[in-house]
Amino acid sequence: MVIAPASVAVLLPWWISRWRLQTPLWGLRPVRVVGVLLIAAGLPVLLDSFARFALQGLGTPAPIFPTRHLVVSGLYRYVRNPMYLAVVSLIVGQGLLLGNLRVLGYGLVVWLACHVFVLLYEEPMLRSTFGVEYDAFRENVPRWIPHLLPWRGNRRAQHFRCPSLGGQGRAEARQAMP
């Protein structure tokens, strides 16, 4: 469960940079501070997202062991993809801290790959699995840029919560909603 994000966010940036400090980007030392702040912000977000998937969703972020419940609490009330944002934050933070443009470029590639994965696989799969619950979540929580205020949820959509990955009631829930 932790291997893929750790490889993407830690191992590959290390492989690219060997974590050697270079001259600060644009000759500005404060850029390093921004990098440290991004790393410091990204790590707890990543850990919180993992914990919510395991404890509330009863699964993992991996498509081969998906959650049985849609996770719509914690940081997921502000943005639909905090885990991907955390990984990209860790990578970009390392690039800024180390002064390494190649690590920054890698961060852009990772974000683009996440975006394509979300659009082509994850969102259609969540919609087919969780139906109206996911529709309400998707309509109220932005994909990438967090809201300042948390989404409080849709009572009607929560009423039709999918009890498990193969749970019953999804079709009935779709028919019951206008």
N, C-alpha and C. Protein backbone atom coordinates (compact mmCIF):
# COMPACT_ATOMS: atom_id res chain seq x y z
N MET A 1 0.83 -1.19 0.00
CA MET A 1 0.00 0.00 0.00
C MET A 1 0.88 1.26 0.00
N VAL A 2 1.99 1.22 0.69
CA VAL A 2 2.86 2.39 0.81
C VAL A 2 3.97 2.37 -0.23
N ILE A 3 4.21 1.22 -0.83
CA ILE A 3 5.35 1.06 -1.73
C ILE A 3 5.26 1.97 -2.95
N ALA A 4 4.13 2.00 -3.63
CA ALA A 4 4.02 2.81 -4.85
C ALA A 4 4.21 4.30 -4.58
N PRO A 5 3.46 4.90 -3.63
CA PRO A 5 3.69 6.33 -3.36
C PRO A 5 5.10 6.62 -2.86
N ALA A 6 5.66 5.73 -2.04
CA ALA A 6 7.02 5.94 -1.55
C ALA A 6 8.02 5.90 -2.71
N SER A 7 7.80 5.00 -3.64
CA SER A 7 8.68 4.92 -4.81
C SER A 7 8.57 6.18 -5.65
N VAL A 8 7.34 6.63 -5.87
CA VAL A 8 7.10 7.81 -6.71
C VAL A 8 7.59 9.08 -6.02
N ALA A 9 7.31 9.22 -4.72
CA ALA A 9 7.60 10.47 -4.02
C ALA A 9 8.98 10.54 -3.39
N VAL A 10 9.63 9.39 -3.17
CA VAL A 10 10.92 9.41 -2.48
C VAL A 10 12.02 8.75 -3.32
N LEU A 11 11.82 7.53 -3.71
CA LEU A 11 12.87 6.78 -4.40
C LEU A 11 13.25 7.40 -5.75
N LEU A 12 12.27 7.70 -6.59
CA LEU A 12 12.60 8.27 -7.91
C LEU A 12 13.20 9.68 -7.81
N PRO A 13 12.70 10.57 -6.93
CA PRO A 13 13.40 11.86 -6.78
C PRO A 13 14.84 11.67 -6.29
N TRP A 14 15.06 10.70 -5.41
CA TRP A 14 16.43 10.42 -4.97
C TRP A 14 17.27 9.95 -6.15
N TRP A 15 16.72 9.06 -6.97
CA TRP A 15 17.44 8.53 -8.12
C TRP A 15 17.81 9.65 -9.09
N ILE A 16 16.90 10.60 -9.27
CA ILE A 16 17.15 11.73 -10.18
C ILE A 16 18.20 12.68 -9.60
N SER A 17 18.13 12.94 -8.30
CA SER A 17 18.94 14.00 -7.70
C SER A 17 20.05 13.52 -6.76
N ARG A 18 19.95 12.29 -6.30
CA ARG A 18 20.83 11.78 -5.23
C ARG A 18 20.77 12.69 -4.01
N TRP A 19 19.72 13.51 -3.95
CA TRP A 19 19.47 14.46 -2.86
C TRP A 19 20.66 15.37 -2.62
N ARG A 20 21.31 15.76 -3.71
CA ARG A 20 22.41 16.72 -3.62
C ARG A 20 21.87 18.13 -3.76
N LEU A 21 22.27 18.99 -2.83
CA LEU A 21 21.87 20.39 -2.91
C LEU A 21 22.61 21.06 -4.06
N GLN A 22 21.87 21.76 -4.86
CA GLN A 22 22.45 22.58 -5.93
C GLN A 22 22.22 24.04 -5.58
N THR A 23 22.65 24.90 -6.44
CA THR A 23 22.39 26.32 -6.25
C THR A 23 20.88 26.53 -6.18
N PRO A 24 20.40 27.36 -5.25
CA PRO A 24 18.94 27.58 -5.16
C PRO A 24 18.38 28.04 -6.51
N LEU A 25 17.19 27.56 -6.82
CA LEU A 25 16.56 27.95 -8.08
C LEU A 25 16.40 29.46 -8.13
N TRP A 26 16.70 30.02 -9.29
CA TRP A 26 16.62 31.45 -9.55
C TRP A 26 17.52 32.24 -8.60
N GLY A 27 18.48 31.57 -7.96
CA GLY A 27 19.41 32.22 -7.04
C GLY A 27 18.76 32.71 -5.75
N LEU A 28 17.57 32.22 -5.45
CA LEU A 28 16.82 32.69 -4.29
C LEU A 28 16.77 31.62 -3.20
N ARG A 29 17.41 31.90 -2.09
CA ARG A 29 17.40 30.94 -0.96
C ARG A 29 15.99 30.69 -0.40
N PRO A 30 15.10 31.68 -0.38
CA PRO A 30 13.75 31.42 0.15
C PRO A 30 12.99 30.32 -0.62
N VAL A 31 13.42 30.05 -1.84
CA VAL A 31 12.78 28.96 -2.60
C VAL A 31 12.97 27.63 -1.87
N ARG A 32 14.12 27.48 -1.22
CA ARG A 32 14.35 26.26 -0.42
C ARG A 32 13.34 26.15 0.72
N VAL A 33 13.03 27.27 1.34
CA VAL A 33 12.05 27.28 2.44
C VAL A 33 10.68 26.83 1.93
N VAL A 34 10.31 27.32 0.76
CA VAL A 34 9.04 26.89 0.16
C VAL A 34 9.07 25.38 -0.07
N GLY A 35 10.19 24.86 -0.51
CA GLY A 35 10.32 23.42 -0.69
C GLY A 35 10.12 22.65 0.60
N VAL A 36 10.74 23.13 1.68
CA VAL A 36 10.59 22.47 2.99
C VAL A 36 9.13 22.53 3.43
N LEU A 37 8.47 23.67 3.21
CA LEU A 37 7.06 23.80 3.59
C LEU A 37 6.17 22.84 2.80
N LEU A 38 6.46 22.67 1.50
CA LEU A 38 5.68 21.72 0.70
C LEU A 38 5.88 20.29 1.18
N ILE A 39 7.09 19.94 1.53
CA ILE A 39 7.37 18.60 2.06
C ILE A 39 6.65 18.43 3.40
N ALA A 40 6.77 19.43 4.27
CA ALA A 40 6.14 19.37 5.59
C ALA A 40 4.62 19.30 5.50
N ALA A 41 4.05 19.93 4.49
CA ALA A 41 2.59 19.88 4.31
C ALA A 41 2.17 18.57 3.64
N GLY A 42 2.95 18.08 2.72
CA GLY A 42 2.57 16.89 1.96
C GLY A 42 2.60 15.60 2.76
N LEU A 43 3.57 15.44 3.63
CA LEU A 43 3.72 14.18 4.35
C LEU A 43 2.52 13.86 5.25
N PRO A 44 2.05 14.78 6.11
CA PRO A 44 0.89 14.43 6.92
C PRO A 44 -0.39 14.22 6.10
N VAL A 45 -0.51 14.93 4.99
CA VAL A 45 -1.67 14.73 4.13
C VAL A 45 -1.65 13.32 3.55
N LEU A 46 -0.48 12.89 3.11
CA LEU A 46 -0.35 11.53 2.55
C LEU A 46 -0.67 10.49 3.61
N LEU A 47 -0.13 10.64 4.81
CA LEU A 47 -0.38 9.68 5.88
C LEU A 47 -1.84 9.66 6.30
N ASP A 48 -2.46 10.84 6.39
CA ASP A 48 -3.88 10.91 6.74
C ASP A 48 -4.74 10.24 5.66
N SER A 49 -4.40 10.47 4.40
CA SER A 49 -5.17 9.86 3.31
C SER A 49 -5.08 8.34 3.36
N PHE A 50 -3.88 7.81 3.59
CA PHE A 50 -3.71 6.35 3.73
C PHE A 50 -4.55 5.82 4.88
N ALA A 51 -4.49 6.49 6.02
CA ALA A 51 -5.24 6.03 7.19
C ALA A 51 -6.73 6.02 6.91
N ARG A 52 -7.24 7.04 6.25
CA ARG A 52 -8.68 7.09 5.95
C ARG A 52 -9.08 5.97 4.99
N PHE A 53 -8.24 5.68 4.01
CA PHE A 53 -8.55 4.58 3.09
C PHE A 53 -8.64 3.26 3.85
N ALA A 54 -7.70 3.04 4.75
CA ALA A 54 -7.67 1.77 5.48
C ALA A 54 -8.77 1.69 6.53
N LEU A 55 -8.94 2.73 7.33
CA LEU A 55 -9.84 2.67 8.47
C LEU A 55 -11.30 2.98 8.13
N GLN A 56 -11.53 3.92 7.23
CA GLN A 56 -12.90 4.28 6.88
C GLN A 56 -13.37 3.62 5.60
N GLY A 57 -12.48 3.55 4.62
CA GLY A 57 -12.85 2.95 3.35
C GLY A 57 -12.73 1.44 3.36
N LEU A 58 -12.02 0.90 4.36
CA LEU A 58 -11.80 -0.54 4.48
C LEU A 58 -11.15 -1.12 3.23
N GLY A 59 -10.10 -0.45 2.77
CA GLY A 59 -9.36 -0.90 1.60
C GLY A 59 -8.07 -0.13 1.48
N THR A 60 -7.56 -0.06 0.25
CA THR A 60 -6.31 0.65 -0.02
C THR A 60 -6.49 1.55 -1.23
N PRO A 61 -5.52 2.43 -1.49
CA PRO A 61 -5.56 3.24 -2.71
C PRO A 61 -5.30 2.42 -3.97
N ALA A 62 -4.75 1.22 -3.82
CA ALA A 62 -4.40 0.41 -4.98
C ALA A 62 -5.66 -0.13 -5.65
N PRO A 63 -5.74 -0.03 -6.98
CA PRO A 63 -6.92 -0.55 -7.70
C PRO A 63 -7.18 -2.05 -7.47
N ILE A 64 -6.15 -2.82 -7.12
CA ILE A 64 -6.37 -4.24 -6.90
C ILE A 64 -7.00 -4.54 -5.54
N PHE A 65 -6.92 -3.60 -4.58
CA PHE A 65 -7.56 -3.73 -3.26
C PHE A 65 -8.32 -2.45 -2.94
N PRO A 66 -9.37 -2.13 -3.71
CA PRO A 66 -10.06 -0.84 -3.53
C PRO A 66 -10.85 -0.79 -2.23
N THR A 67 -11.23 0.41 -1.86
CA THR A 67 -12.04 0.59 -0.66
C THR A 67 -13.45 0.06 -0.89
N ARG A 68 -14.09 -0.33 0.20
CA ARG A 68 -15.47 -0.79 0.12
C ARG A 68 -16.44 0.35 0.36
N HIS A 69 -15.94 1.44 0.92
CA HIS A 69 -16.77 2.62 1.18
C HIS A 69 -16.08 3.84 0.57
N LEU A 70 -16.87 4.74 0.04
CA LEU A 70 -16.32 5.98 -0.50
C LEU A 70 -15.84 6.85 0.66
N VAL A 71 -14.60 7.29 0.60
CA VAL A 71 -14.02 8.13 1.65
C VAL A 71 -14.34 9.59 1.32
N VAL A 72 -15.16 10.21 2.20
CA VAL A 72 -15.57 11.59 1.99
C VAL A 72 -15.40 12.42 3.27
N SER A 73 -14.43 12.03 4.09
CA SER A 73 -14.19 12.75 5.34
C SER A 73 -12.78 13.34 5.34
N GLY A 74 -12.47 14.09 6.39
CA GLY A 74 -11.14 14.68 6.50
C GLY A 74 -10.85 15.62 5.35
N LEU A 75 -9.66 15.51 4.80
CA LEU A 75 -9.27 16.40 3.70
C LEU A 75 -10.06 16.15 2.43
N TYR A 76 -10.69 14.98 2.33
CA TYR A 76 -11.53 14.67 1.17
C TYR A 76 -12.78 15.55 1.14
N ARG A 77 -13.08 16.26 2.20
CA ARG A 77 -14.19 17.21 2.20
C ARG A 77 -13.81 18.51 1.48
N TYR A 78 -12.50 18.72 1.28
CA TYR A 78 -12.00 19.94 0.64
C TYR A 78 -11.59 19.72 -0.81
N VAL A 79 -11.06 18.54 -1.10
CA VAL A 79 -10.54 18.24 -2.44
C VAL A 79 -10.65 16.73 -2.65
N ARG A 80 -10.98 16.31 -3.87
CA ARG A 80 -11.21 14.88 -4.12
C ARG A 80 -9.94 14.05 -4.17
N ASN A 81 -8.79 14.66 -4.38
CA ASN A 81 -7.56 13.90 -4.57
C ASN A 81 -6.41 14.36 -3.67
N PRO A 82 -6.61 14.41 -2.35
CA PRO A 82 -5.53 14.90 -1.50
C PRO A 82 -4.29 14.00 -1.53
N MET A 83 -4.46 12.71 -1.77
CA MET A 83 -3.30 11.82 -1.78
C MET A 83 -2.39 12.14 -2.96
N TYR A 84 -2.96 12.33 -4.14
CA TYR A 84 -2.15 12.68 -5.31
C TYR A 84 -1.50 14.05 -5.12
N LEU A 85 -2.27 15.00 -4.55
CA LEU A 85 -1.70 16.32 -4.30
C LEU A 85 -0.54 16.23 -3.31
N ALA A 86 -0.65 15.37 -2.32
CA ALA A 86 0.43 15.20 -1.33
C ALA A 86 1.68 14.65 -1.99
N VAL A 87 1.52 13.65 -2.85
CA VAL A 87 2.68 13.06 -3.54
C VAL A 87 3.37 14.12 -4.39
N VAL A 88 2.58 14.87 -5.15
CA VAL A 88 3.16 15.92 -6.00
C VAL A 88 3.81 17.00 -5.13
N SER A 89 3.20 17.34 -4.01
CA SER A 89 3.78 18.32 -3.09
C SER A 89 5.14 17.85 -2.57
N LEU A 90 5.25 16.57 -2.24
CA LEU A 90 6.53 16.04 -1.78
C LEU A 90 7.60 16.12 -2.87
N ILE A 91 7.22 15.81 -4.10
CA ILE A 91 8.18 15.84 -5.20
C ILE A 91 8.60 17.28 -5.52
N VAL A 92 7.63 18.16 -5.67
CA VAL A 92 7.94 19.56 -5.99
C VAL A 92 8.74 20.18 -4.84
N GLY A 93 8.37 19.85 -3.62
CA GLY A 93 9.12 20.34 -2.46
C GLY A 93 10.58 19.93 -2.51
N GLN A 94 10.83 18.67 -2.88
CA GLN A 94 12.21 18.21 -3.00
C GLN A 94 12.94 18.97 -4.11
N GLY A 95 12.25 19.18 -5.23
CA GLY A 95 12.87 19.92 -6.33
C GLY A 95 13.27 21.33 -5.93
N LEU A 96 12.38 22.00 -5.19
CA LEU A 96 12.67 23.37 -4.74
C LEU A 96 13.76 23.38 -3.68
N LEU A 97 13.69 22.47 -2.73
CA LEU A 97 14.69 22.39 -1.68
C LEU A 97 16.08 22.11 -2.25
N LEU A 98 16.15 21.18 -3.17
CA LEU A 98 17.44 20.77 -3.74
C LEU A 98 17.92 21.69 -4.86
N GLY A 99 17.03 22.54 -5.37
CA GLY A 99 17.39 23.38 -6.51
C GLY A 99 17.54 22.56 -7.78
N ASN A 100 16.70 21.54 -7.95
CA ASN A 100 16.85 20.60 -9.05
C ASN A 100 15.67 20.69 -10.02
N LEU A 101 15.92 21.24 -11.21
CA LEU A 101 14.87 21.39 -12.22
C LEU A 101 14.37 20.04 -12.73
N ARG A 102 15.24 19.04 -12.76
CA ARG A 102 14.81 17.71 -13.23
C ARG A 102 13.79 17.11 -12.28
N VAL A 103 13.96 17.30 -10.99
CA VAL A 103 12.97 16.80 -10.03
C VAL A 103 11.66 17.58 -10.18
N LEU A 104 11.74 18.88 -10.41
CA LEU A 104 10.52 19.66 -10.66
C LEU A 104 9.80 19.17 -11.92
N GLY A 105 10.56 18.90 -12.97
CA GLY A 105 9.96 18.36 -14.20
C GLY A 105 9.32 17.01 -13.96
N TYR A 106 9.97 16.19 -13.15
CA TYR A 106 9.40 14.89 -12.79
C TYR A 106 8.09 15.10 -12.03
N GLY A 107 8.03 16.08 -11.15
CA GLY A 107 6.79 16.39 -10.43
C GLY A 107 5.66 16.75 -11.37
N LEU A 108 5.97 17.50 -12.41
CA LEU A 108 4.96 17.85 -13.42
C LEU A 108 4.47 16.60 -14.15
N VAL A 109 5.38 15.70 -14.49
CA VAL A 109 5.01 14.45 -15.16
C VAL A 109 4.13 13.60 -14.25
N VAL A 110 4.46 13.54 -12.98
CA VAL A 110 3.65 12.75 -12.03
C VAL A 110 2.25 13.34 -11.91
N TRP A 111 2.15 14.68 -11.81
CA TRP A 111 0.83 15.29 -11.72
C TRP A 111 0.03 14.99 -12.99
N LEU A 112 0.65 15.11 -14.14
CA LEU A 112 -0.05 14.84 -15.39
C LEU A 112 -0.51 13.38 -15.46
N ALA A 113 0.33 12.46 -15.03
CA ALA A 113 -0.05 11.04 -15.01
C ALA A 113 -1.22 10.81 -14.05
N CYS A 114 -1.18 11.46 -12.89
CA CYS A 114 -2.29 11.34 -11.94
C CYS A 114 -3.57 11.88 -12.55
N HIS A 115 -3.48 13.02 -13.20
CA HIS A 115 -4.65 13.64 -13.81
C HIS A 115 -5.27 12.72 -14.86
N VAL A 116 -4.46 12.17 -15.73
CA VAL A 116 -4.97 11.26 -16.77
C VAL A 116 -5.57 10.01 -16.13
N PHE A 117 -4.91 9.45 -15.12
CA PHE A 117 -5.42 8.28 -14.43
C PHE A 117 -6.78 8.57 -13.78
N VAL A 118 -6.90 9.72 -13.14
CA VAL A 118 -8.15 10.11 -12.49
C VAL A 118 -9.26 10.23 -13.53
N LEU A 119 -8.97 10.91 -14.64
CA LEU A 119 -10.00 11.12 -15.66
C LEU A 119 -10.42 9.83 -16.38
N LEU A 120 -9.45 9.02 -16.74
CA LEU A 120 -9.75 7.85 -17.58
C LEU A 120 -10.12 6.59 -16.81
N TYR A 121 -9.63 6.45 -15.57
CA TYR A 121 -9.91 5.23 -14.83
C TYR A 121 -10.65 5.48 -13.51
N GLU A 122 -10.07 6.29 -12.66
CA GLU A 122 -10.57 6.38 -11.29
C GLU A 122 -11.99 6.95 -11.20
N GLU A 123 -12.25 8.08 -11.84
CA GLU A 123 -13.58 8.67 -11.75
C GLU A 123 -14.65 7.78 -12.36
N PRO A 124 -14.45 7.20 -13.55
CA PRO A 124 -15.48 6.28 -14.06
C PRO A 124 -15.69 5.07 -13.14
N MET A 125 -14.61 4.53 -12.56
CA MET A 125 -14.74 3.38 -11.67
C MET A 125 -15.50 3.76 -10.40
N LEU A 126 -15.19 4.91 -9.82
CA LEU A 126 -15.90 5.35 -8.62
C LEU A 126 -17.38 5.59 -8.91
N ARG A 127 -17.66 6.14 -10.06
CA ARG A 127 -19.06 6.38 -10.42
C ARG A 127 -19.82 5.07 -10.58
N SER A 128 -19.21 4.10 -11.23
CA SER A 128 -19.90 2.83 -11.41
C SER A 128 -20.00 2.05 -10.11
N THR A 129 -19.08 2.24 -9.20
CA THR A 129 -19.09 1.53 -7.93
C THR A 129 -20.02 2.18 -6.91
N PHE A 130 -19.96 3.51 -6.78
CA PHE A 130 -20.68 4.19 -5.71
C PHE A 130 -21.87 5.02 -6.17
N GLY A 131 -22.10 5.11 -7.47
CA GLY A 131 -23.30 5.75 -8.01
C GLY A 131 -23.57 7.15 -7.51
N VAL A 132 -24.79 7.33 -6.96
CA VAL A 132 -25.24 8.67 -6.56
C VAL A 132 -24.38 9.27 -5.45
N GLU A 133 -23.82 8.43 -4.60
CA GLU A 133 -22.96 8.94 -3.53
C GLU A 133 -21.74 9.63 -4.13
N TYR A 134 -21.13 8.99 -5.13
CA TYR A 134 -19.97 9.61 -5.78
C TYR A 134 -20.39 10.82 -6.59
N ASP A 135 -21.54 10.75 -7.26
CA ASP A 135 -22.02 11.89 -8.03
C ASP A 135 -22.15 13.13 -7.15
N ALA A 136 -22.74 12.97 -5.96
CA ALA A 136 -22.90 14.10 -5.03
C ALA A 136 -21.54 14.62 -4.59
N PHE A 137 -20.63 13.71 -4.29
CA PHE A 137 -19.28 14.09 -3.88
C PHE A 137 -18.59 14.85 -5.01
N ARG A 138 -18.64 14.31 -6.22
CA ARG A 138 -17.97 14.92 -7.38
C ARG A 138 -18.54 16.30 -7.69
N GLU A 139 -19.84 16.46 -7.53
CA GLU A 139 -20.48 17.75 -7.83
C GLU A 139 -20.15 18.83 -6.80
N ASN A 140 -19.75 18.42 -5.60
CA ASN A 140 -19.56 19.38 -4.51
C ASN A 140 -18.12 19.59 -4.07
N VAL A 141 -17.23 18.71 -4.48
CA VAL A 141 -15.83 18.80 -4.05
C VAL A 141 -14.94 18.87 -5.30
N PRO A 142 -14.07 19.88 -5.39
CA PRO A 142 -13.24 20.03 -6.58
C PRO A 142 -12.18 18.93 -6.69
N ARG A 143 -11.78 18.66 -7.92
CA ARG A 143 -10.82 17.60 -8.20
C ARG A 143 -9.42 17.94 -7.68
N TRP A 144 -8.92 19.16 -7.95
CA TRP A 144 -7.51 19.49 -7.66
C TRP A 144 -7.31 20.69 -6.76
N ILE A 145 -8.11 21.72 -6.86
CA ILE A 145 -7.89 22.95 -6.09
C ILE A 145 -8.85 22.94 -4.90
N PRO A 146 -8.31 22.82 -3.70
CA PRO A 146 -9.17 22.67 -2.52
C PRO A 146 -10.09 23.86 -2.28
N HIS A 147 -11.29 23.56 -1.78
CA HIS A 147 -12.20 24.60 -1.29
C HIS A 147 -11.67 25.10 0.05
N LEU A 148 -12.03 26.30 0.41
CA LEU A 148 -11.64 26.83 1.72
C LEU A 148 -12.53 26.27 2.83
N LEU A 149 -13.78 25.99 2.49
CA LEU A 149 -14.72 25.43 3.45
C LEU A 149 -15.01 23.97 3.09
N PRO A 150 -15.17 23.12 4.10
CA PRO A 150 -15.39 21.70 3.81
C PRO A 150 -16.81 21.43 3.31
N TRP A 151 -16.93 20.42 2.49
CA TRP A 151 -18.23 19.94 2.05
C TRP A 151 -18.85 19.19 3.21
N ARG A 152 -20.08 19.48 3.50
CA ARG A 152 -20.77 18.84 4.64
C ARG A 152 -21.54 17.59 4.24
N GLY A 153 -21.57 17.31 2.95
CA GLY A 153 -22.24 16.09 2.50
C GLY A 153 -23.68 16.34 2.11
N ASN A 154 -24.19 15.40 1.37
CA ASN A 154 -25.56 15.44 0.89
C ASN A 154 -26.32 14.32 1.60
N ARG A 155 -27.27 14.68 2.44
CA ARG A 155 -27.99 13.67 3.22
C ARG A 155 -28.65 12.63 2.34
N ARG A 156 -29.25 13.05 1.23
CA ARG A 156 -29.92 12.08 0.35
C ARG A 156 -28.92 11.11 -0.22
N ALA A 157 -27.77 11.59 -0.64
CA ALA A 157 -26.76 10.69 -1.21
C ALA A 157 -26.20 9.78 -0.13
N GLN A 158 -26.02 10.28 1.10
CA GLN A 158 -25.49 9.45 2.17
C GLN A 158 -26.47 8.35 2.54
N HIS A 159 -27.75 8.61 2.38
CA HIS A 159 -28.77 7.60 2.67
C HIS A 159 -28.57 6.36 1.80
N PHE A 160 -28.07 6.54 0.60
CA PHE A 160 -27.89 5.44 -0.34
C PHE A 160 -26.45 4.96 -0.40
N ARG A 161 -25.73 5.11 0.69
CA ARG A 161 -24.32 4.70 0.75
C ARG A 161 -24.16 3.25 0.34
N CYS A 162 -23.25 3.01 -0.54
CA CYS A 162 -22.94 1.66 -1.00
C CYS A 162 -22.29 0.89 0.15
N PRO A 163 -22.90 -0.19 0.67
CA PRO A 163 -22.35 -0.88 1.83
C PRO A 163 -21.06 -1.63 1.56
N SER A 164 -20.82 -2.02 0.34
CA SER A 164 -19.57 -2.70 0.01
C SER A 164 -19.33 -2.57 -1.48
N LEU A 165 -18.16 -2.98 -1.91
CA LEU A 165 -17.80 -2.84 -3.30
C LEU A 165 -18.83 -3.49 -4.21
N GLY A 166 -19.28 -4.68 -3.86
CA GLY A 166 -20.30 -5.36 -4.66
C GLY A 166 -21.67 -5.25 -4.03
N GLY A 167 -21.83 -4.26 -3.16
CA GLY A 167 -23.05 -4.13 -2.38
C GLY A 167 -24.29 -3.89 -3.20
N GLN A 168 -25.41 -4.18 -2.58
CA GLN A 168 -26.68 -4.00 -3.25
C GLN A 168 -27.21 -2.62 -2.94
N GLY A 169 -28.15 -2.19 -3.72
CA GLY A 169 -28.78 -0.92 -3.47
C GLY A 169 -28.34 0.20 -4.38
N ARG A 170 -27.27 -0.02 -5.19
CA ARG A 170 -26.81 1.05 -6.08
C ARG A 170 -27.85 1.36 -7.14
N ALA A 171 -28.39 0.34 -7.78
CA ALA A 171 -29.38 0.58 -8.83
C ALA A 171 -30.63 1.23 -8.23
N GLU A 172 -31.07 0.72 -7.06
CA GLU A 172 -32.24 1.32 -6.42
C GLU A 172 -31.97 2.76 -6.05
N ALA A 173 -30.75 3.04 -5.60
CA ALA A 173 -30.40 4.41 -5.23
C ALA A 173 -30.45 5.32 -6.44
N ARG A 174 -29.95 4.85 -7.57
CA ARG A 174 -29.98 5.67 -8.79
C ARG A 174 -31.41 5.95 -9.21
N GLN A 175 -32.27 4.96 -9.10
CA GLN A 175 -33.67 5.14 -9.52
C GLN A 175 -34.41 6.07 -8.58
N ALA A 176 -34.06 6.06 -7.31
CA ALA A 176 -34.75 6.88 -6.33
C ALA A 176 -34.40 8.35 -6.43
N MET A 177 -33.23 8.64 -6.96
CA MET A 177 -32.79 10.03 -7.06
C MET A 177 -33.37 10.66 -8.32
N PRO A 178 -33.83 11.93 -8.22
CA PRO A 178 -34.38 12.62 -9.42
C PRO A 178 -33.30 12.90 -10.43
